């Protein structure tokens, strides 16, 4: 009894709604109107025939842009009968204003089309490559929902994608073009749109194998725009484990190459340092091969501006002038010679 009561109540409400709709021809007629002039004539006929008109009919006229017919309906029917339509008019007007403001912003700013490279996830098995393209400039940004004018080409050695979208009043052209690491079979590959601004691709490999990369030239897609789709590991557990091991080996190989280059640079630096002589803690630069060896000369004193004058000895009156040093030594030697000569007797 308890379960049948709600069902009976819903049936009764549905019957009342159907009866009300049958008694209000405007619900069926107004959506088919194609012009404001046609809507005016239809509203006047409904008022003249005293048809029952509900607020939904007014909402239909306003959303279709038939403002002339809406004024006639409000003035000659709702206001005259004392029916409150303030909430309906305010609600529809607010929504229409937002839409018109967005359209006005789009045409007044005259924004140029922005070229954007979408982000993508990729994973693989030995037989397939799977891609998920998100129409956004970053992984953490929402994807563009209303994508149109898409142009997608799957070729044996390349993937090309372009699509147009307007997001937040900004027109954007998404472009993706890169060369595949190895060849695929386009005739058995496919793509499809998914929800929330995403696109899915399934590429069939010619030879079963695990690729170390999807890109033949990594510079074609920046590292910030591409990531491995590790969530697909639940569908390809063994193949994704092999892929993970291959990535680790590639990373170790690149690390070893970097270490080898550092050792080579260090070795060349040591050899260069050994060729340069060192004296007193200072590195002496080797002589230039073009320079000629010249005998070292003692440095000459700097030239003086004035030559020193000899000092003259002044004598006072009554004092004998002392002979020069050479004359004095000669007189002393002469006296000694005279004293040493023997005397002869007469």
C-alpha atoms as a PDB file:
ATOM      1  CA  UNK A   1       0.000   0.000   0.000  1.00  0.00           C
ATOM      2  CA  UNK A   2       2.839   2.363   0.849  1.00  0.00           C
ATOM      3  CA  UNK A   3       4.648   1.709  -2.422  1.00  0.00           C
ATOM      4  CA  UNK A   4       1.557   2.185  -4.544  1.00  0.00           C
ATOM      5  CA  UNK A   5       0.627   5.563  -3.039  1.00  0.00           C
ATOM      6  CA  UNK A   6       3.607   7.554  -4.459  1.00  0.00           C
ATOM      7  CA  UNK A   7       3.091   5.970  -7.874  1.00  0.00           C
ATOM      8  CA  UNK A   8      -0.563   6.951  -7.858  1.00  0.00           C
ATOM      9  CA  UNK A   9       0.333  10.486  -6.779  1.00  0.00           C
ATOM     10  CA  UNK A  10       2.861  10.876  -9.585  1.00  0.00           C
ATOM     11  CA  UNK A  11       0.358   9.618 -12.104  1.00  0.00           C
ATOM     12  CA  UNK A  12      -2.220  12.129 -10.868  1.00  0.00           C
ATOM     13  CA  UNK A  13       0.276  15.021 -11.136  1.00  0.00           C
ATOM     14  CA  UNK A  14       1.231  13.959 -14.644  1.00  0.00           C
ATOM     15  CA  UNK A  15      -2.404  13.827 -15.648  1.00  0.00           C
ATOM     16  CA  UNK A  16      -3.010  17.314 -14.295  1.00  0.00           C
ATOM     17  CA  UNK A  17       0.025  18.647 -16.180  1.00  0.00           C
ATOM     18  CA  UNK A  18      -1.166  17.039 -19.409  1.00  0.00           C
ATOM     19  CA  UNK A  19      -4.627  18.510 -18.940  1.00  0.00           C
ATOM     20  CA  UNK A  20      -3.179  21.956 -18.239  1.00  0.00           C
ATOM     21  CA  UNK A  21      -0.998  21.723 -21.328  1.00  0.00           C
ATOM     22  CA  UNK A  22      -3.981  20.710 -23.407  1.00  0.00           C
ATOM     23  CA  UNK A  23      -5.859  23.757 -22.154  1.00  0.00           C
ATOM     24  CA  UNK A  24      -2.931  26.099 -22.983  1.00  0.00           C
ATOM     25  CA  UNK A  25      -2.354  25.988 -26.734  1.00  0.00           C
ATOM     26  CA  UNK A  26       0.451  28.538 -26.401  1.00  0.00           C
ATOM     27  CA  UNK A  27       2.752  25.851 -24.982  1.00  0.00           C
ATOM     28  CA  UNK A  28       2.525  24.030 -28.289  1.00  0.00           C
ATOM     29  CA  UNK A  29       2.125  26.967 -30.667  1.00  0.00           C
ATOM     30  CA  UNK A  30       4.630  29.575 -29.421  1.00  0.00           C
ATOM     31  CA  UNK A  31       7.800  27.439 -29.944  1.00  0.00           C
ATOM     32  CA  UNK A  32       6.899  27.099 -33.643  1.00  0.00           C
ATOM     33  CA  UNK A  33       6.721  30.855 -34.273  1.00  0.00           C
ATOM     34  CA  UNK A  34       9.406  32.214 -36.606  1.00  0.00           C
ATOM     35  CA  UNK A  35       9.152  36.028 -36.318  1.00  0.00           C
ATOM     36  CA  UNK A  36       8.120  38.742 -33.901  1.00  0.00           C
ATOM     37  CA  UNK A  37       5.323  39.894 -36.216  1.00  0.00           C
ATOM     38  CA  UNK A  38       3.892  36.388 -36.360  1.00  0.00           C
ATOM     39  CA  UNK A  39       4.183  36.136 -32.544  1.00  0.00           C
ATOM     40  CA  UNK A  40       2.262  39.424 -32.092  1.00  0.00           C
ATOM     41  CA  UNK A  41      -0.668  38.175 -34.178  1.00  0.00           C
ATOM     42  CA  UNK A  42      -0.695  34.876 -32.291  1.00  0.00           C
ATOM     43  CA  UNK A  43      -0.693  36.628 -28.876  1.00  0.00           C
ATOM     44  CA  UNK A  44      -3.523  38.967 -29.910  1.00  0.00           C
ATOM     45  CA  UNK A  45      -5.581  36.003 -31.126  1.00  0.00           C
ATOM     46  CA  UNK A  46      -4.988  34.128 -27.856  1.00  0.00           C
ATOM     47  CA  UNK A  47      -6.065  37.131 -25.776  1.00  0.00           C
ATOM     48  CA  UNK A  48      -9.134  37.741 -27.958  1.00  0.00           C
ATOM     49  CA  UNK A  49     -10.195  34.111 -27.670  1.00  0.00           C
ATOM     50  CA  UNK A  50      -9.575  34.218 -23.912  1.00  0.00           C
ATOM     51  CA  UNK A  51      -7.133  31.304 -24.078  1.00  0.00           C
ATOM     52  CA  UNK A  52      -5.328  30.229 -20.949  1.00  0.00           C
ATOM     53  CA  UNK A  53      -1.703  31.507 -21.079  1.00  0.00           C
ATOM     54  CA  UNK A  54       0.941  30.551 -18.524  1.00  0.00           C
ATOM     55  CA  UNK A  55       4.292  32.126 -17.694  1.00  0.00           C
ATOM     56  CA  UNK A  56       6.140  29.435 -19.681  1.00  0.00           C
ATOM     57  CA  UNK A  57       4.669  30.939 -22.835  1.00  0.00           C
ATOM     58  CA  UNK A  58       6.130  34.334 -21.907  1.00  0.00           C
ATOM     59  CA  UNK A  59       9.541  32.720 -21.310  1.00  0.00           C
ATOM     60  CA  UNK A  60       9.413  31.119 -24.759  1.00  0.00           C
ATOM     61  CA  UNK A  61       8.727  34.478 -26.416  1.00  0.00           C
ATOM     62  CA  UNK A  62      11.533  36.225 -24.521  1.00  0.00           C
ATOM     63  CA  UNK A  63      14.143  33.542 -25.277  1.00  0.00           C
ATOM     64  CA  UNK A  64      13.247  33.605 -28.961  1.00  0.00           C
ATOM     65  CA  UNK A  65      13.803  37.375 -28.927  1.00  0.00           C
ATOM     66  CA  UNK A  66      10.192  38.281 -29.691  1.00  0.00           C
ATOM     67  CA  UNK A  67      10.165  41.322 -27.400  1.00  0.00           C
ATOM     68  CA  UNK A  68       7.225  43.047 -29.132  1.00  0.00           C
ATOM     69  CA  UNK A  69       4.987  40.053 -28.569  1.00  0.00           C
ATOM     70  CA  UNK A  70       6.286  39.790 -24.990  1.00  0.00           C
ATOM     71  CA  UNK A  71       5.253  43.400 -24.230  1.00  0.00           C
ATOM     72  CA  UNK A  72       1.752  42.777 -25.605  1.00  0.00           C
ATOM     73  CA  UNK A  73       1.402  39.583 -23.578  1.00  0.00           C
ATOM     74  CA  UNK A  74       2.494  41.258 -20.316  1.00  0.00           C
ATOM     75  CA  UNK A  75       0.438  44.454 -20.724  1.00  0.00           C
ATOM     76  CA  UNK A  76      -2.788  43.056 -22.191  1.00  0.00           C
ATOM     77  CA  UNK A  77      -2.934  39.736 -20.377  1.00  0.00           C
ATOM     78  CA  UNK A  78      -0.808  39.247 -17.248  1.00  0.00           C
ATOM     79  CA  UNK A  79      -1.098  42.785 -15.811  1.00  0.00           C
ATOM     80  CA  UNK A  80      -4.788  43.001 -16.655  1.00  0.00           C
ATOM     81  CA  UNK A  81      -5.494  39.702 -14.914  1.00  0.00           C
ATOM     82  CA  UNK A  82      -3.197  40.541 -11.962  1.00  0.00           C
ATOM     83  CA  UNK A  83      -0.791  37.635 -12.585  1.00  0.00           C
ATOM     84  CA  UNK A  84       2.697  38.184 -11.102  1.00  0.00           C
ATOM     85  CA  UNK A  85       5.418  37.491 -13.680  1.00  0.00           C
ATOM     86  CA  UNK A  86       8.266  39.428 -12.038  1.00  0.00           C
ATOM     87  CA  UNK A  87      10.327  36.319 -11.200  1.00  0.00           C
ATOM     88  CA  UNK A  88       9.972  34.907 -14.701  1.00  0.00           C
ATOM     89  CA  UNK A  89      10.978  38.142 -16.412  1.00  0.00           C
ATOM     90  CA  UNK A  90      13.919  38.723 -14.041  1.00  0.00           C
ATOM     91  CA  UNK A  91      15.256  35.154 -14.415  1.00  0.00           C
ATOM     92  CA  UNK A  92      15.090  35.127 -18.218  1.00  0.00           C
ATOM     93  CA  UNK A  93      16.476  38.668 -18.477  1.00  0.00           C
ATOM     94  CA  UNK A  94      19.486  37.810 -16.290  1.00  0.00           C
ATOM     95  CA  UNK A  95      20.357  34.762 -18.361  1.00  0.00           C
ATOM     96  CA  UNK A  96      19.940  36.610 -21.646  1.00  0.00           C
ATOM     97  CA  UNK A  97      22.088  39.493 -20.350  1.00  0.00           C
ATOM     98  CA  UNK A  98      24.969  37.137 -19.517  1.00  0.00           C
ATOM     99  CA  UNK A  99      24.821  35.636 -22.979  1.00  0.00           C
ATOM    100  CA  UNK A 100      24.689  39.045 -24.646  1.00  0.00           C
ATOM    101  CA  UNK A 101      27.544  40.374 -22.497  1.00  0.00           C
ATOM    102  CA  UNK A 102      29.678  37.450 -23.569  1.00  0.00           C
ATOM    103  CA  UNK A 103      28.870  38.116 -27.209  1.00  0.00           C
ATOM    104  CA  UNK A 104      29.648  41.811 -26.770  1.00  0.00           C
ATOM    105  CA  UNK A 105      32.971  41.051 -25.099  1.00  0.00           C
ATOM    106  CA  UNK A 106      33.897  38.694 -27.904  1.00  0.00           C
ATOM    107  CA  UNK A 107      33.378  41.266 -30.645  1.00  0.00           C
ATOM    108  CA  UNK A 108      34.656  44.379 -28.842  1.00  0.00           C
ATOM    109  CA  UNK A 109      38.012  42.977 -27.677  1.00  0.00           C
ATOM    110  CA  UNK A 110      38.833  41.727 -31.193  1.00  0.00           C
ATOM    111  CA  UNK A 111      41.097  39.050 -29.818  1.00  0.00           C
ATOM    112  CA  UNK A 112      43.360  37.321 -32.268  1.00  0.00           C
ATOM    113  CA  UNK A 113      43.241  33.568 -32.620  1.00  0.00           C
ATOM    114  CA  UNK A 114      45.751  32.031 -30.226  1.00  0.00           C
ATOM    115  CA  UNK A 115      47.761  29.059 -31.478  1.00  0.00           C
ATOM    116  CA  UNK A 116      47.920  26.442 -28.706  1.00  0.00           C
ATOM    117  CA  UNK A 117      49.662  23.068 -28.597  1.00  0.00           C
ATOM    118  CA  UNK A 118      47.408  20.666 -26.680  1.00  0.00           C
ATOM    119  CA  UNK A 119      48.685  18.365 -23.953  1.00  0.00           C
ATOM    120  CA  UNK A 120      48.700  14.612 -24.435  1.00  0.00           C
ATOM    121  CA  UNK A 121      49.146  11.368 -22.515  1.00  0.00           C
ATOM    122  CA  UNK A 122      50.430   8.246 -24.229  1.00  0.00           C
ATOM    123  CA  UNK A 123      50.897   4.588 -23.387  1.00  0.00           C
ATOM    124  CA  UNK A 124      51.633   1.437 -25.348  1.00  0.00           C
ATOM    125  CA  UNK A 125      51.461  -2.297 -25.654  1.00  0.00           C
ATOM    126  CA  UNK A 126      53.518  -4.369 -28.045  1.00  0.00           C
ATOM    127  CA  UNK A 127      50.782  -3.976 -30.664  1.00  0.00           C
ATOM    128  CA  UNK A 128      49.289  -0.508 -30.082  1.00  0.00           C
ATOM    129  CA  UNK A 129      50.004   3.095 -29.168  1.00  0.00           C
ATOM    130  CA  UNK A 130      47.188   4.868 -27.320  1.00  0.00           C
ATOM    131  CA  UNK A 131      46.952   8.646 -27.086  1.00  0.00           C
ATOM    132  CA  UNK A 132      44.687  10.963 -25.129  1.00  0.00           C
ATOM    133  CA  UNK A 133      44.750  14.550 -26.378  1.00  0.00           C
ATOM    134  CA  UNK A 134      43.337  17.220 -24.067  1.00  0.00           C
ATOM    135  CA  UNK A 135      42.321  20.506 -25.682  1.00  0.00           C
ATOM    136  CA  UNK A 136      44.060  22.687 -23.107  1.00  0.00           C
ATOM    137  CA  UNK A 137      47.424  24.431 -22.811  1.00  0.00           C
ATOM    138  CA  UNK A 138      48.230  22.704 -19.479  1.00  0.00           C
ATOM    139  CA  UNK A 139      47.392  19.397 -17.847  1.00  0.00           C
ATOM    140  CA  UNK A 140      45.713  21.066 -14.870  1.00  0.00           C
ATOM    141  CA  UNK A 141      43.546  23.387 -17.024  1.00  0.00           C
ATOM    142  CA  UNK A 142      40.009  22.463 -18.100  1.00  0.00           C
ATOM    143  CA  UNK A 143      39.644  21.177 -21.625  1.00  0.00           C
ATOM    144  CA  UNK A 144      37.727  23.147 -24.230  1.00  0.00           C
ATOM    145  CA  UNK A 145      34.300  21.532 -24.578  1.00  0.00           C
ATOM    146  CA  UNK A 146      32.991  23.033 -27.800  1.00  0.00           C
ATOM    147  CA  UNK A 147      35.617  21.864 -30.303  1.00  0.00           C
ATOM    148  CA  UNK A 148      34.822  22.314 -33.994  1.00  0.00           C
ATOM    149  CA  UNK A 149      36.427  22.362 -37.435  1.00  0.00           C
ATOM    150  CA  UNK A 150      38.681  19.474 -36.459  1.00  0.00           C
ATOM    151  CA  UNK A 151      41.226  18.220 -38.984  1.00  0.00           C
ATOM    152  CA  UNK A 152      42.981  14.973 -38.011  1.00  0.00           C
ATOM    153  CA  UNK A 153      45.401  13.042 -40.205  1.00  0.00           C
ATOM    154  CA  UNK A 154      46.988   9.730 -39.197  1.00  0.00           C
ATOM    155  CA  UNK A 155      49.873   8.853 -41.505  1.00  0.00           C
ATOM    156  CA  UNK A 156      52.429   6.009 -41.383  1.00  0.00           C
ATOM    157  CA  UNK A 157      55.133   8.235 -39.880  1.00  0.00           C
ATOM    158  CA  UNK A 158      53.288  11.254 -38.470  1.00  0.00           C
ATOM    159  CA  UNK A 159      50.257  12.609 -36.623  1.00  0.00           C
ATOM    160  CA  UNK A 160      48.585  15.931 -37.475  1.00  0.00           C
ATOM    161  CA  UNK A 161      45.715  17.522 -35.550  1.00  0.00           C
ATOM    162  CA  UNK A 162      44.058  20.929 -35.641  1.00  0.00           C
ATOM    163  CA  UNK A 163      40.796  22.085 -34.039  1.00  0.00           C
ATOM    164  CA  UNK A 164      39.104  25.395 -33.306  1.00  0.00           C
ATOM    165  CA  UNK A 165      37.540  26.368 -29.992  1.00  0.00           C
ATOM    166  CA  UNK A 166      36.464  29.456 -28.035  1.00  0.00           C
ATOM    167  CA  UNK A 167      37.100  29.312 -24.299  1.00  0.00           C
ATOM    168  CA  UNK A 168      36.482  32.241 -21.915  1.00  0.00           C
ATOM    169  CA  UNK A 169      35.833  34.482 -24.963  1.00  0.00           C
ATOM    170  CA  UNK A 170      39.300  33.616 -26.322  1.00  0.00           C
ATOM    171  CA  UNK A 171      39.394  31.992 -29.788  1.00  0.00           C
ATOM    172  CA  UNK A 172      42.042  29.269 -29.914  1.00  0.00           C
ATOM    173  CA  UNK A 173      43.394  27.022 -32.647  1.00  0.00           C
ATOM    174  CA  UNK A 174      44.855  23.807 -31.244  1.00  0.00           C
ATOM    175  CA  UNK A 175      47.650  22.321 -33.337  1.00  0.00           C
ATOM    176  CA  UNK A 176      49.646  19.124 -32.908  1.00  0.00           C
ATOM    177  CA  UNK A 177      52.130  17.777 -35.446  1.00  0.00           C
ATOM    178  CA  UNK A 178      54.952  15.305 -34.769  1.00  0.00           C
ATOM    179  CA  UNK A 179      56.880  12.439 -36.349  1.00  0.00           C
ATOM    180  CA  UNK A 180      56.388   8.971 -34.891  1.00  0.00           C
ATOM    181  CA  UNK A 181      59.296   6.963 -33.527  1.00  0.00           C
ATOM    182  CA  UNK A 182      58.445   4.070 -35.866  1.00  0.00           C
ATOM    183  CA  UNK A 183      55.957   3.304 -38.599  1.00  0.00           C
ATOM    184  CA  UNK A 184      52.293   2.477 -37.968  1.00  0.00           C
ATOM    185  CA  UNK A 185      49.306   1.221 -39.986  1.00  0.00           C
ATOM    186  CA  UNK A 186      46.908   4.164 -40.569  1.00  0.00           C
ATOM    187  CA  UNK A 187      44.232   1.999 -42.177  1.00  0.00           C
ATOM    188  CA  UNK A 188      43.645   0.061 -38.950  1.00  0.00           C
ATOM    189  CA  UNK A 189      44.154   3.017 -36.598  1.00  0.00           C
ATOM    190  CA  UNK A 190      41.321   5.282 -35.428  1.00  0.00           C
ATOM    191  CA  UNK A 191      40.369   8.284 -33.273  1.00  0.00           C
ATOM    192  CA  UNK A 192      37.232   9.477 -31.461  1.00  0.00           C
ATOM    193  CA  UNK A 193      36.091  12.367 -29.274  1.00  0.00           C
ATOM    194  CA  UNK A 194      35.640  11.771 -25.562  1.00  0.00           C
ATOM    195  CA  UNK A 195      34.009  13.793 -22.796  1.00  0.00           C
ATOM    196  CA  UNK A 196      35.337  16.969 -21.111  1.00  0.00           C
ATOM    197  CA  UNK A 197      37.348  18.211 -24.078  1.00  0.00           C
ATOM    198  CA  UNK A 198      39.444  15.121 -24.885  1.00  0.00           C
ATOM    199  CA  UNK A 199      40.243  13.034 -27.948  1.00  0.00           C
ATOM    200  CA  UNK A 200      41.374   9.397 -28.013  1.00  0.00           C
ATOM    201  CA  UNK A 201      43.647   7.768 -30.619  1.00  0.00           C
ATOM    202  CA  UNK A 202      44.553   4.129 -31.134  1.00  0.00           C
ATOM    203  CA  UNK A 203      47.552   3.558 -33.416  1.00  0.00           C
ATOM    204  CA  UNK A 204      48.439   0.085 -34.666  1.00  0.00           C
ATOM    205  CA  UNK A 205      52.131  -0.784 -34.892  1.00  0.00           C
ATOM    206  CA  UNK A 206      53.543  -2.580 -37.912  1.00  0.00           C
ATOM    207  CA  UNK A 207      55.941  -4.695 -35.832  1.00  0.00           C
ATOM    208  CA  UNK A 208      55.186  -5.774 -32.252  1.00  0.00           C
ATOM    209  CA  UNK A 209      57.713  -4.036 -30.071  1.00  0.00           C
ATOM    210  CA  UNK A 210      58.111  -1.637 -27.146  1.00  0.00           C
ATOM    211  CA  UNK A 211      59.148   1.851 -28.223  1.00  0.00           C
ATOM    212  CA  UNK A 212      61.467   3.906 -26.009  1.00  0.00           C
ATOM    213  CA  UNK A 213      59.594   7.040 -27.114  1.00  0.00           C
ATOM    214  CA  UNK A 214      56.627   8.010 -29.229  1.00  0.00           C
ATOM    215  CA  UNK A 215      58.542  10.923 -30.772  1.00  0.00           C
ATOM    216  CA  UNK A 216      61.301  10.516 -33.291  1.00  0.00           C
ATOM    217  CA  UNK A 217      62.316  14.108 -32.614  1.00  0.00           C
ATOM    218  CA  UNK A 218      61.628  15.049 -28.946  1.00  0.00           C
ATOM    219  CA  UNK A 219      61.924  18.739 -29.769  1.00  0.00           C
ATOM    220  CA  UNK A 220      58.636  18.662 -31.724  1.00  0.00           C
ATOM    221  CA  UNK A 221      56.591  18.430 -28.510  1.00  0.00           C
ATOM    222  CA  UNK A 222      57.863  20.182 -25.349  1.00  0.00           C
ATOM    223  CA  UNK A 223      58.311  18.041 -22.245  1.00  0.00           C
ATOM    224  CA  UNK A 224      55.686  20.133 -20.462  1.00  0.00           C
ATOM    225  CA  UNK A 225      53.050  19.068 -23.023  1.00  0.00           C
ATOM    226  CA  UNK A 226      53.505  15.287 -23.012  1.00  0.00           C
ATOM    227  CA  UNK A 227      53.388  12.644 -20.266  1.00  0.00           C
ATOM    228  CA  UNK A 228      53.294   8.876 -20.035  1.00  0.00           C
ATOM    229  CA  UNK A 229      49.786   7.572 -19.447  1.00  0.00           C
ATOM    230  CA  UNK A 230      50.559   5.277 -16.530  1.00  0.00           C
ATOM    231  CA  UNK A 231      46.865   4.704 -15.785  1.00  0.00           C
ATOM    232  CA  UNK A 232      46.804   2.370 -18.784  1.00  0.00           C
ATOM    233  CA  UNK A 233      49.036  -0.037 -16.896  1.00  0.00           C
ATOM    234  CA  UNK A 234      45.908  -1.799 -15.607  1.00  0.00           C
ATOM    235  CA  UNK A 235      45.068  -2.714 -19.214  1.00  0.00           C
ATOM    236  CA  UNK A 236      48.629  -3.537 -20.368  1.00  0.00           C
ATOM    237  CA  UNK A 237      50.471  -4.585 -17.166  1.00  0.00           C
ATOM    238  CA  UNK A 238      53.267  -6.664 -18.720  1.00  0.00           C
ATOM    239  CA  UNK A 239      53.921  -4.323 -21.628  1.00  0.00           C
ATOM    240  CA  UNK A 240      53.956  -1.221 -19.442  1.00  0.00           C
ATOM    241  CA  UNK A 241      56.386  -2.956 -17.049  1.00  0.00           C
ATOM    242  CA  UNK A 242      58.700  -3.584 -20.004  1.00  0.00           C
ATOM    243  CA  UNK A 243      58.294   0.010 -21.026  1.00  0.00           C
ATOM    244  CA  UNK A 244      59.147   1.203 -17.515  1.00  0.00           C
ATOM    245  CA  UNK A 245      62.298  -0.951 -17.485  1.00  0.00           C
ATOM    246  CA  UNK A 246      63.275   0.407 -20.895  1.00  0.00           C
ATOM    247  CA  UNK A 247      62.884   3.973 -19.633  1.00  0.00           C
ATOM    248  CA  UNK A 248      65.115   3.217 -16.652  1.00  0.00           C
ATOM    249  CA  UNK A 249      67.791   1.781 -18.955  1.00  0.00           C
ATOM    250  CA  UNK A 250      67.611   4.832 -21.214  1.00  0.00           C
ATOM    251  CA  UNK A 251      67.884   7.122 -18.194  1.00  0.00           C
ATOM    252  CA  UNK A 252      70.922   5.235 -16.897  1.00  0.00           C
ATOM    253  CA  UNK A 253      72.533   5.416 -20.324  1.00  0.00           C
ATOM    254  CA  UNK A 254      72.049   9.201 -20.467  1.00  0.00           C
ATOM    255  CA  UNK A 255      73.424   9.555 -16.932  1.00  0.00           C
ATOM    256  CA  UNK A 256      76.512   7.507 -17.876  1.00  0.00           C
ATOM    257  CA  UNK A 257      77.069   9.693 -20.943  1.00  0.00           C
ATOM    258  CA  UNK A 258      76.948  12.803 -18.743  1.00  0.00           C
ATOM    259  CA  UNK A 259      79.443  11.275 -16.290  1.00  0.00           C
ATOM    260  CA  UNK A 260      81.743  10.314 -19.164  1.00  0.00           C
ATOM    261  CA  UNK A 261      81.661  13.859 -20.531  1.00  0.00           C
ATOM    262  CA  UNK A 262      82.479  15.273 -17.090  1.00  0.00           C
ATOM    263  CA  UNK A 263      85.444  12.909 -16.743  1.00  0.00           C
ATOM    264  CA  UNK A 264      86.708  13.873 -20.196  1.00  0.00           C
ATOM    265  CA  UNK A 265      86.472  17.593 -19.392  1.00  0.00           C
ATOM    266  CA  UNK A 266      88.286  17.048 -16.099  1.00  0.00           C
ATOM    267  CA  UNK A 267      91.054  15.092 -17.834  1.00  0.00           C
ATOM    268  CA  UNK A 268      91.586  17.793 -20.452  1.00  0.00           C
ATOM    269  CA  UNK A 269      91.698  20.451 -17.728  1.00  0.00           C
ATOM    270  CA  UNK A 270      94.359  18.512 -15.785  1.00  0.00           C
ATOM    271  CA  UNK A 271      96.479  18.031 -18.909  1.00  0.00           C
ATOM    272  CA  UNK A 272      96.277  21.728 -19.652  1.00  0.00           C
ATOM    273  CA  UNK A 273      97.299  22.617 -16.096  1.00  0.00           C
ATOM    274  CA  UNK A 274     100.336  20.286 -16.270  1.00  0.00           C
ATOM    275  CA  UNK A 275     101.663  22.017 -19.399  1.00  0.00           C
ATOM    276  CA  UNK A 276     101.816  25.423 -17.635  1.00  0.00           C
ATOM    277  CA  UNK A 277     104.912  25.912 -15.351  1.00  0.00           C
ATOM    278  CA  UNK A 278     104.264  27.041 -11.814  1.00  0.00           C
ATOM    279  CA  UNK A 279     106.742  29.104  -9.712  1.00  0.00           C
ATOM    280  CA  UNK A 280     106.123  30.517  -6.226  1.00  0.00           C
ATOM    281  CA  UNK A 281     102.480  29.574  -6.457  1.00  0.00           C
ATOM    282  CA  UNK A 282     101.996  31.653  -9.643  1.00  0.00           C
ATOM    283  CA  UNK A 283     101.345  30.263 -13.072  1.00  0.00           C
ATOM    284  CA  UNK A 284     103.900  31.543 -15.554  1.00  0.00           C
ATOM    285  CA  UNK A 285     102.678  31.904 -19.042  1.00  0.00           C
ATOM    286  CA  UNK A 286     104.969  30.307 -21.637  1.00  0.00           C
ATOM    287  CA  UNK A 287     106.857  32.773 -23.872  1.00  0.00           C
ATOM    288  CA  UNK A 288     105.303  33.631 -27.151  1.00  0.00           C
ATOM    289  CA  UNK A 289     106.879  31.734 -30.068  1.00  0.00           C
ATOM    290  CA  UNK A 290     107.382  34.988 -31.974  1.00  0.00           C
ATOM    291  CA  UNK A 291     109.230  36.791 -29.194  1.00  0.00           C
ATOM    292  CA  UNK A 292     113.073  37.019 -29.483  1.00  0.00           C
ATOM    293  CA  UNK A 293     115.313  36.438 -26.462  1.00  0.00           C
ATOM    294  CA  UNK A 294     117.314  39.515 -25.562  1.00  0.00           C
ATOM    295  CA  UNK A 295     120.051  39.764 -22.917  1.00  0.00           C
ATOM    296  CA  UNK A 296     118.898  41.235 -19.718  1.00  0.00           C
ATOM    297  CA  UNK A 297     120.233  44.681 -18.953  1.00  0.00           C
ATOM    298  CA  UNK A 298     120.339  46.279 -15.553  1.00  0.00           C
ATOM    299  CA  UNK A 299     117.652  48.829 -15.169  1.00  0.00           C
ATOM    300  CA  UNK A 300     118.889  52.329 -15.680  1.00  0.00           C
ATOM    301  CA  UNK A 301     118.078  54.827 -12.993  1.00  0.00           C
ATOM    302  CA  UNK A 302     115.482  57.332 -13.861  1.00  0.00           C
ATOM    303  CA  UNK A 303     116.893  60.498 -15.317  1.00  0.00           C
ATOM    304  CA  UNK A 304     117.178  63.340 -12.862  1.00  0.00           C
ATOM    305  CA  UNK A 305     116.093  66.787 -13.825  1.00  0.00           C
ATOM    306  CA  UNK A 306     119.206  68.535 -12.386  1.00  0.00           C
ATOM    307  CA  UNK A 307     122.813  67.265 -12.010  1.00  0.00           C
ATOM    308  CA  UNK A 308     124.237  67.466  -8.445  1.00  0.00           C
ATOM    309  CA  UNK A 309     126.874  70.158  -7.979  1.00  0.00           C
ATOM    310  CA  UNK A 310     130.199  69.328  -6.182  1.00  0.00           C
ATOM    311  CA  UNK A 311     130.570  70.651  -2.673  1.00  0.00           C
ATOM    312  CA  UNK A 312     133.364  73.275  -2.377  1.00  0.00           C
ATOM    313  CA  UNK A 313     135.481  73.447   0.781  1.00  0.00           C
ATOM    314  CA  UNK A 314     135.633  76.872   2.254  1.00  0.00           C
ATOM    315  CA  UNK A 315     138.805  78.026   4.107  1.00  0.00           C
ATOM    316  CA  UNK A 316     139.057  80.608   6.784  1.00  0.00           C
ATOM    317  CA  UNK A 317     141.819  83.198   6.869  1.00  0.00           C
ATOM    318  CA  UNK A 318     144.910  82.119   8.764  1.00  0.00           C
ATOM    319  CA  UNK A 319     144.270  78.418   8.112  1.00  0.00           C
ATOM    320  CA  UNK A 320     146.305  76.440   5.623  1.00  0.00           C
ATOM    321  CA  UNK A 321     144.393  74.800   2.911  1.00  0.00           C
ATOM    322  CA  UNK A 322     144.592  71.027   3.146  1.00  0.00           C
ATOM    323  CA  UNK A 323     145.986  69.398   0.029  1.00  0.00           C
ATOM    324  CA  UNK A 324     143.970  67.044  -1.903  1.00  0.00           C
ATOM    325  CA  UNK A 325     143.913  63.435  -0.837  1.00  0.00           C
ATOM    326  CA  UNK A 326     146.167  62.270  -3.679  1.00  0.00           C
ATOM    327  CA  UNK A 327     148.817  64.939  -3.140  1.00  0.00           C
ATOM    328  CA  UNK A 328     148.943  64.256   0.606  1.00  0.00           C
ATOM    329  CA  UNK A 329     149.539  60.547   0.086  1.00  0.00           C
ATOM    330  CA  UNK A 330     152.316  61.286  -2.444  1.00  0.00           C
ATOM    331  CA  UNK A 331     154.184  63.587  -0.035  1.00  0.00           C
ATOM    332  CA  UNK A 332     154.024  61.016   2.740  1.00  0.00           C
ATOM    333  CA  UNK A 333     155.515  58.337   0.489  1.00  0.00           C
ATOM    334  CA  UNK A 334     158.330  60.723  -0.606  1.00  0.00           C
ATOM    335  CA  UNK A 335     159.281  61.431   3.027  1.00  0.00           C
ATOM    336  CA  UNK A 336     159.426  57.742   3.816  1.00  0.00           C
ATOM    337  CA  UNK A 337     161.760  57.131   0.841  1.00  0.00           C
ATOM    338  CA  UNK A 338     164.075  59.919   1.888  1.00  0.00           C
ATOM    339  CA  UNK A 339     164.372  58.558   5.402  1.00  0.00           C
ATOM    340  CA  UNK A 340     165.186  55.076   4.165  1.00  0.00           C
ATOM    341  CA  UNK A 341     168.053  56.184   1.876  1.00  0.00           C
ATOM    342  CA  UNK A 342     171.508  55.653   3.566  1.00  0.00           C
ATOM    343  CA  UNK A 343     173.720  58.588   4.263  1.00  0.00           C
ATOM    344  CA  UNK A 344     177.155  58.774   2.489  1.00  0.00           C
ATOM    345  CA  UNK A 345     180.209  59.932   4.448  1.00  0.00           C
ATOM    346  CA  UNK A 346     182.401  62.580   3.029  1.00  0.00           C
END
